[in-house]
Amino acid sequence: MSGVSDHLRSIAFDIFVKWAMSSQELNFKIKGCWFGCEEFDIFERSLSQLMTKDNGSATLFDLSHNPIIFLKTDDVVLMIEIFFLDALDKGCFKLSAKSHSIELSEIRDKLALFDKCW
């Protein structure tokens, strides 16, 4: 059929991060991050696999294939990286933090609350 195009099934949501340290606290919000539905499912599966292994990684890419969330475990250490690149190419932000792999279950639980339409 003429004029018909395939559309990538996608979703958008805000990402909120609160990082509390002993003497500091960081809060930031990335508004309207767009992800392919299939990419979101792949990230969820990778996260589940990561929870059962001693080491590995999981990455959530946006529609432009930029990494937004990167999780890597090495025994009990969890490395979290969150990236944001401004759509107007005016700047970028990257947060890298070490945590404990037990926090993977909290991330998984938050994702499970997301109401999927696919």
N, C-alpha and C. Protein backbone atom coordinates (compact mmCIF):
# COMPACT_ATOMS: atom_id res chain seq x y z
N MET A 1 0.84 -1.18 0.00
CA MET A 1 0.00 0.00 0.00
C MET A 1 0.88 1.24 0.00
N SER A 2 0.52 2.15 -0.79
CA SER A 2 1.27 3.39 -0.89
C SER A 2 1.02 4.27 0.33
N GLY A 3 2.07 4.90 0.81
CA GLY A 3 1.93 5.82 1.93
C GLY A 3 1.89 5.17 3.29
N VAL A 4 2.03 3.86 3.34
CA VAL A 4 2.01 3.16 4.64
C VAL A 4 3.44 2.89 5.05
N SER A 5 3.76 3.21 6.28
CA SER A 5 5.11 2.95 6.77
C SER A 5 5.02 2.19 8.09
N ASP A 6 6.03 1.43 8.35
CA ASP A 6 6.11 0.72 9.62
C ASP A 6 6.57 1.69 10.69
N HIS A 7 5.91 1.66 11.82
CA HIS A 7 6.29 2.51 12.93
C HIS A 7 6.92 1.65 14.02
N LEU A 8 7.99 2.12 14.58
CA LEU A 8 8.64 1.43 15.67
C LEU A 8 7.80 1.62 16.92
N ARG A 9 7.37 0.51 17.51
CA ARG A 9 6.62 0.63 18.76
C ARG A 9 7.56 1.18 19.81
N SER A 10 7.14 2.27 20.44
CA SER A 10 8.02 2.93 21.39
C SER A 10 7.22 3.48 22.56
N ILE A 11 7.96 3.77 23.61
CA ILE A 11 7.39 4.33 24.84
C ILE A 11 8.28 5.47 25.30
N ALA A 12 7.72 6.35 26.08
CA ALA A 12 8.50 7.44 26.67
C ALA A 12 8.15 7.54 28.15
N PHE A 13 9.15 7.81 28.95
CA PHE A 13 8.92 8.06 30.37
C PHE A 13 10.06 8.89 30.92
N ASP A 14 9.82 9.49 32.07
CA ASP A 14 10.84 10.27 32.76
C ASP A 14 11.66 9.33 33.64
N ILE A 15 12.92 9.67 33.80
CA ILE A 15 13.81 8.92 34.69
C ILE A 15 14.19 9.84 35.84
N PHE A 16 13.89 9.40 37.06
CA PHE A 16 14.24 10.15 38.26
C PHE A 16 15.36 9.42 38.99
N VAL A 17 16.34 10.17 39.41
CA VAL A 17 17.45 9.58 40.17
C VAL A 17 17.64 10.40 41.44
N LYS A 18 17.71 9.69 42.54
CA LYS A 18 18.06 10.31 43.82
C LYS A 18 19.23 9.52 44.37
N TRP A 19 20.33 10.21 44.55
CA TRP A 19 21.54 9.56 45.04
C TRP A 19 21.93 10.24 46.34
N ALA A 20 21.78 9.54 47.44
CA ALA A 20 22.08 10.08 48.76
C ALA A 20 23.42 9.55 49.24
N MET A 21 24.31 10.47 49.59
CA MET A 21 25.60 10.11 50.14
C MET A 21 25.63 10.60 51.59
N SER A 22 26.70 10.34 52.27
CA SER A 22 26.75 10.71 53.69
C SER A 22 26.60 12.21 53.92
N SER A 23 27.17 13.04 53.05
CA SER A 23 27.09 14.48 53.29
C SER A 23 26.49 15.25 52.10
N GLN A 24 26.09 14.56 51.07
CA GLN A 24 25.55 15.20 49.87
C GLN A 24 24.34 14.43 49.37
N GLU A 25 23.54 15.10 48.55
CA GLU A 25 22.43 14.44 47.89
C GLU A 25 22.27 15.02 46.50
N LEU A 26 22.06 14.15 45.53
CA LEU A 26 21.88 14.57 44.15
C LEU A 26 20.52 14.08 43.68
N ASN A 27 19.72 14.98 43.10
CA ASN A 27 18.44 14.63 42.50
C ASN A 27 18.43 15.17 41.08
N PHE A 28 18.05 14.34 40.13
CA PHE A 28 17.86 14.86 38.78
C PHE A 28 16.81 14.04 38.05
N LYS A 29 16.26 14.67 37.02
CA LYS A 29 15.19 14.06 36.25
C LYS A 29 15.50 14.24 34.77
N ILE A 30 15.44 13.14 34.03
CA ILE A 30 15.58 13.19 32.58
C ILE A 30 14.15 13.05 32.05
N LYS A 31 13.67 14.08 31.35
CA LYS A 31 12.29 14.10 30.89
C LYS A 31 12.14 13.44 29.52
N GLY A 32 11.07 12.69 29.39
CA GLY A 32 10.65 12.16 28.11
C GLY A 32 11.68 11.35 27.35
N CYS A 33 12.27 10.35 27.99
CA CYS A 33 13.20 9.45 27.30
C CYS A 33 12.39 8.46 26.47
N TRP A 34 12.73 8.36 25.19
CA TRP A 34 12.03 7.46 24.28
C TRP A 34 12.84 6.18 24.07
N PHE A 35 12.14 5.05 24.21
CA PHE A 35 12.75 3.74 24.05
C PHE A 35 11.87 2.88 23.15
N GLY A 36 12.49 2.03 22.37
CA GLY A 36 11.74 1.03 21.63
C GLY A 36 11.21 -0.01 22.61
N CYS A 37 9.99 -0.47 22.39
CA CYS A 37 9.40 -1.47 23.29
C CYS A 37 10.25 -2.73 23.34
N GLU A 38 10.77 -3.15 22.20
CA GLU A 38 11.62 -4.34 22.16
C GLU A 38 12.91 -4.12 22.96
N GLU A 39 13.47 -2.93 22.84
CA GLU A 39 14.70 -2.59 23.58
C GLU A 39 14.44 -2.63 25.09
N PHE A 40 13.27 -2.13 25.50
CA PHE A 40 12.89 -2.15 26.91
C PHE A 40 12.79 -3.59 27.40
N ASP A 41 12.16 -4.47 26.59
CA ASP A 41 12.04 -5.88 26.97
C ASP A 41 13.41 -6.56 27.07
N ILE A 42 14.29 -6.24 26.15
CA ILE A 42 15.65 -6.80 26.18
C ILE A 42 16.37 -6.37 27.45
N PHE A 43 16.22 -5.10 27.84
CA PHE A 43 16.85 -4.60 29.06
C PHE A 43 16.29 -5.34 30.28
N GLU A 44 14.99 -5.53 30.33
CA GLU A 44 14.39 -6.26 31.45
C GLU A 44 14.93 -7.69 31.55
N ARG A 45 15.02 -8.37 30.41
CA ARG A 45 15.57 -9.74 30.41
C ARG A 45 17.03 -9.74 30.85
N SER A 46 17.81 -8.78 30.35
CA SER A 46 19.23 -8.69 30.73
C SER A 46 19.37 -8.43 32.22
N LEU A 47 18.49 -7.61 32.76
CA LEU A 47 18.51 -7.30 34.19
C LEU A 47 18.21 -8.56 35.00
N SER A 48 17.24 -9.34 34.57
CA SER A 48 16.92 -10.60 35.27
C SER A 48 18.09 -11.56 35.23
N GLN A 49 18.76 -11.66 34.07
CA GLN A 49 19.93 -12.53 33.96
C GLN A 49 21.06 -12.03 34.84
N LEU A 50 21.21 -10.73 34.90
CA LEU A 50 22.27 -10.12 35.71
C LEU A 50 22.09 -10.45 37.19
N MET A 51 20.86 -10.57 37.62
CA MET A 51 20.58 -10.87 39.02
C MET A 51 20.96 -12.29 39.40
N THR A 52 21.11 -13.17 38.43
CA THR A 52 21.43 -14.57 38.73
C THR A 52 22.90 -14.90 38.48
N LYS A 53 23.68 -13.92 38.04
CA LYS A 53 25.10 -14.15 37.74
C LYS A 53 25.98 -13.36 38.69
N ASP A 54 27.24 -13.78 38.80
CA ASP A 54 28.20 -13.03 39.61
C ASP A 54 28.73 -11.81 38.88
N ASN A 55 28.70 -11.86 37.55
CA ASN A 55 29.16 -10.69 36.79
C ASN A 55 28.44 -10.65 35.44
N GLY A 56 28.38 -9.46 34.87
CA GLY A 56 27.70 -9.24 33.59
C GLY A 56 27.24 -7.80 33.52
N SER A 57 26.47 -7.49 32.48
CA SER A 57 26.01 -6.11 32.32
C SER A 57 24.66 -6.08 31.59
N ALA A 58 23.99 -4.95 31.72
CA ALA A 58 22.73 -4.69 31.04
C ALA A 58 22.71 -3.21 30.66
N THR A 59 22.28 -2.91 29.44
CA THR A 59 22.25 -1.53 28.96
C THR A 59 20.90 -1.24 28.33
N LEU A 60 20.32 -0.09 28.68
CA LEU A 60 19.09 0.37 28.06
C LEU A 60 19.44 1.51 27.12
N PHE A 61 19.14 1.31 25.82
CA PHE A 61 19.44 2.30 24.79
C PHE A 61 18.17 3.05 24.42
N ASP A 62 18.30 4.34 24.12
CA ASP A 62 17.15 5.11 23.64
C ASP A 62 16.95 4.86 22.15
N LEU A 63 15.98 5.54 21.56
CA LEU A 63 15.67 5.34 20.14
C LEU A 63 16.81 5.72 19.21
N SER A 64 17.70 6.60 19.66
CA SER A 64 18.87 6.99 18.87
C SER A 64 20.05 6.07 19.12
N HIS A 65 19.81 5.02 19.86
CA HIS A 65 20.81 4.02 20.27
C HIS A 65 21.91 4.61 21.17
N ASN A 66 21.55 5.64 21.92
CA ASN A 66 22.45 6.17 22.95
C ASN A 66 22.21 5.37 24.23
N PRO A 67 23.27 4.96 24.91
CA PRO A 67 23.06 4.26 26.19
C PRO A 67 22.56 5.25 27.23
N ILE A 68 21.45 4.90 27.89
CA ILE A 68 20.89 5.77 28.93
C ILE A 68 21.20 5.20 30.31
N ILE A 69 21.01 3.91 30.46
CA ILE A 69 21.29 3.24 31.74
C ILE A 69 22.20 2.05 31.46
N PHE A 70 23.32 1.98 32.19
CA PHE A 70 24.26 0.87 32.08
C PHE A 70 24.48 0.32 33.47
N LEU A 71 24.26 -0.97 33.63
CA LEU A 71 24.46 -1.65 34.91
C LEU A 71 25.47 -2.77 34.71
N LYS A 72 26.42 -2.85 35.61
CA LYS A 72 27.44 -3.90 35.51
C LYS A 72 27.72 -4.43 36.91
N THR A 73 27.75 -5.75 37.03
CA THR A 73 28.06 -6.36 38.32
C THR A 73 29.38 -7.11 38.23
N ASP A 74 30.07 -7.10 39.35
CA ASP A 74 31.31 -7.86 39.52
C ASP A 74 31.27 -8.35 40.96
N ASP A 75 30.86 -9.59 41.13
CA ASP A 75 30.59 -10.16 42.45
C ASP A 75 29.46 -9.38 43.11
N VAL A 76 29.70 -8.70 44.20
CA VAL A 76 28.63 -7.98 44.90
C VAL A 76 28.61 -6.48 44.57
N VAL A 77 29.59 -6.02 43.80
CA VAL A 77 29.66 -4.60 43.44
C VAL A 77 28.81 -4.35 42.20
N LEU A 78 27.97 -3.34 42.28
CA LEU A 78 27.14 -2.92 41.15
C LEU A 78 27.64 -1.55 40.69
N MET A 79 27.98 -1.45 39.42
CA MET A 79 28.37 -0.17 38.83
C MET A 79 27.17 0.34 38.05
N ILE A 80 26.73 1.54 38.36
CA ILE A 80 25.59 2.15 37.70
C ILE A 80 26.08 3.38 36.94
N GLU A 81 25.72 3.46 35.67
CA GLU A 81 26.03 4.66 34.89
C GLU A 81 24.74 5.12 34.22
N ILE A 82 24.46 6.39 34.35
CA ILE A 82 23.29 7.00 33.72
C ILE A 82 23.79 8.14 32.85
N PHE A 83 23.36 8.13 31.60
CA PHE A 83 23.82 9.10 30.62
C PHE A 83 22.64 9.95 30.15
N PHE A 84 22.92 11.18 29.86
CA PHE A 84 21.92 12.04 29.23
C PHE A 84 22.64 12.94 28.23
N LEU A 85 22.16 12.93 27.00
CA LEU A 85 22.70 13.78 25.95
C LEU A 85 21.58 14.69 25.49
N ASP A 86 21.78 16.00 25.58
CA ASP A 86 20.77 16.96 25.18
C ASP A 86 20.47 16.82 23.70
N ALA A 87 19.18 16.81 23.35
CA ALA A 87 18.77 16.64 21.95
C ALA A 87 19.26 17.78 21.06
N LEU A 88 19.50 18.94 21.64
CA LEU A 88 20.00 20.09 20.87
C LEU A 88 21.51 20.15 20.86
N ASP A 89 22.15 19.10 21.38
CA ASP A 89 23.61 18.99 21.42
C ASP A 89 24.27 20.16 22.17
N LYS A 90 23.62 20.57 23.27
CA LYS A 90 24.18 21.66 24.09
C LYS A 90 24.96 21.14 25.29
N GLY A 91 24.84 19.87 25.54
CA GLY A 91 25.58 19.33 26.68
C GLY A 91 25.19 17.89 26.97
N CYS A 92 25.89 17.32 27.93
CA CYS A 92 25.60 15.95 28.33
C CYS A 92 25.84 15.83 29.83
N PHE A 93 25.33 14.76 30.39
CA PHE A 93 25.47 14.49 31.81
C PHE A 93 25.72 13.00 31.97
N LYS A 94 26.62 12.65 32.87
CA LYS A 94 26.90 11.24 33.16
C LYS A 94 27.09 11.09 34.66
N LEU A 95 26.38 10.15 35.22
CA LEU A 95 26.53 9.81 36.63
C LEU A 95 27.07 8.39 36.70
N SER A 96 28.17 8.21 37.41
CA SER A 96 28.74 6.89 37.66
C SER A 96 28.78 6.69 39.17
N ALA A 97 28.26 5.56 39.59
CA ALA A 97 28.22 5.29 41.03
C ALA A 97 28.42 3.80 41.28
N LYS A 98 29.09 3.50 42.37
CA LYS A 98 29.22 2.11 42.81
C LYS A 98 28.17 1.86 43.87
N SER A 99 27.61 0.68 43.83
CA SER A 99 26.59 0.31 44.78
C SER A 99 26.74 -1.18 45.06
N HIS A 100 25.68 -1.79 45.55
CA HIS A 100 25.68 -3.22 45.84
C HIS A 100 24.70 -3.92 44.92
N SER A 101 25.05 -5.09 44.45
CA SER A 101 24.22 -5.79 43.48
C SER A 101 22.83 -6.11 44.01
N ILE A 102 22.65 -6.05 45.31
CA ILE A 102 21.33 -6.30 45.88
C ILE A 102 20.32 -5.25 45.40
N GLU A 103 20.80 -4.09 44.98
CA GLU A 103 19.90 -3.03 44.50
C GLU A 103 19.31 -3.35 43.13
N LEU A 104 19.82 -4.36 42.45
CA LEU A 104 19.23 -4.77 41.17
C LEU A 104 17.76 -5.16 41.33
N SER A 105 17.44 -5.79 42.45
CA SER A 105 16.04 -6.20 42.66
C SER A 105 15.13 -4.97 42.80
N GLU A 106 15.63 -3.90 43.40
CA GLU A 106 14.83 -2.67 43.50
C GLU A 106 14.59 -2.07 42.12
N ILE A 107 15.61 -2.08 41.28
CA ILE A 107 15.47 -1.57 39.92
C ILE A 107 14.47 -2.43 39.14
N ARG A 108 14.60 -3.75 39.26
CA ARG A 108 13.68 -4.66 38.59
C ARG A 108 12.25 -4.44 39.05
N ASP A 109 12.05 -4.26 40.36
CA ASP A 109 10.71 -4.04 40.90
C ASP A 109 10.10 -2.74 40.38
N LYS A 110 10.91 -1.70 40.27
CA LYS A 110 10.41 -0.42 39.72
C LYS A 110 9.99 -0.59 38.26
N LEU A 111 10.78 -1.32 37.49
CA LEU A 111 10.43 -1.55 36.09
C LEU A 111 9.17 -2.40 35.96
N ALA A 112 8.98 -3.34 36.87
CA ALA A 112 7.81 -4.21 36.82
C ALA A 112 6.52 -3.43 37.07
N LEU A 113 6.60 -2.30 37.75
CA LEU A 113 5.43 -1.46 38.00
C LEU A 113 4.97 -0.70 36.77
N PHE A 114 5.85 -0.63 35.77
CA PHE A 114 5.55 0.11 34.54
C PHE A 114 4.44 -0.62 33.78
N ASP A 115 3.38 0.09 33.46
CA ASP A 115 2.23 -0.48 32.75
C ASP A 115 2.53 -0.58 31.27
N LYS A 116 2.81 -1.79 30.81
CA LYS A 116 3.14 -2.01 29.39
C LYS A 116 1.86 -2.06 28.55
N CYS A 117 1.94 -1.44 27.40
CA CYS A 117 0.79 -1.46 26.49
C CYS A 117 1.03 -2.45 25.34
N TRP A 118 2.10 -3.22 25.41
CA TRP A 118 2.40 -4.18 24.34
C TRP A 118 2.45 -5.59 24.87
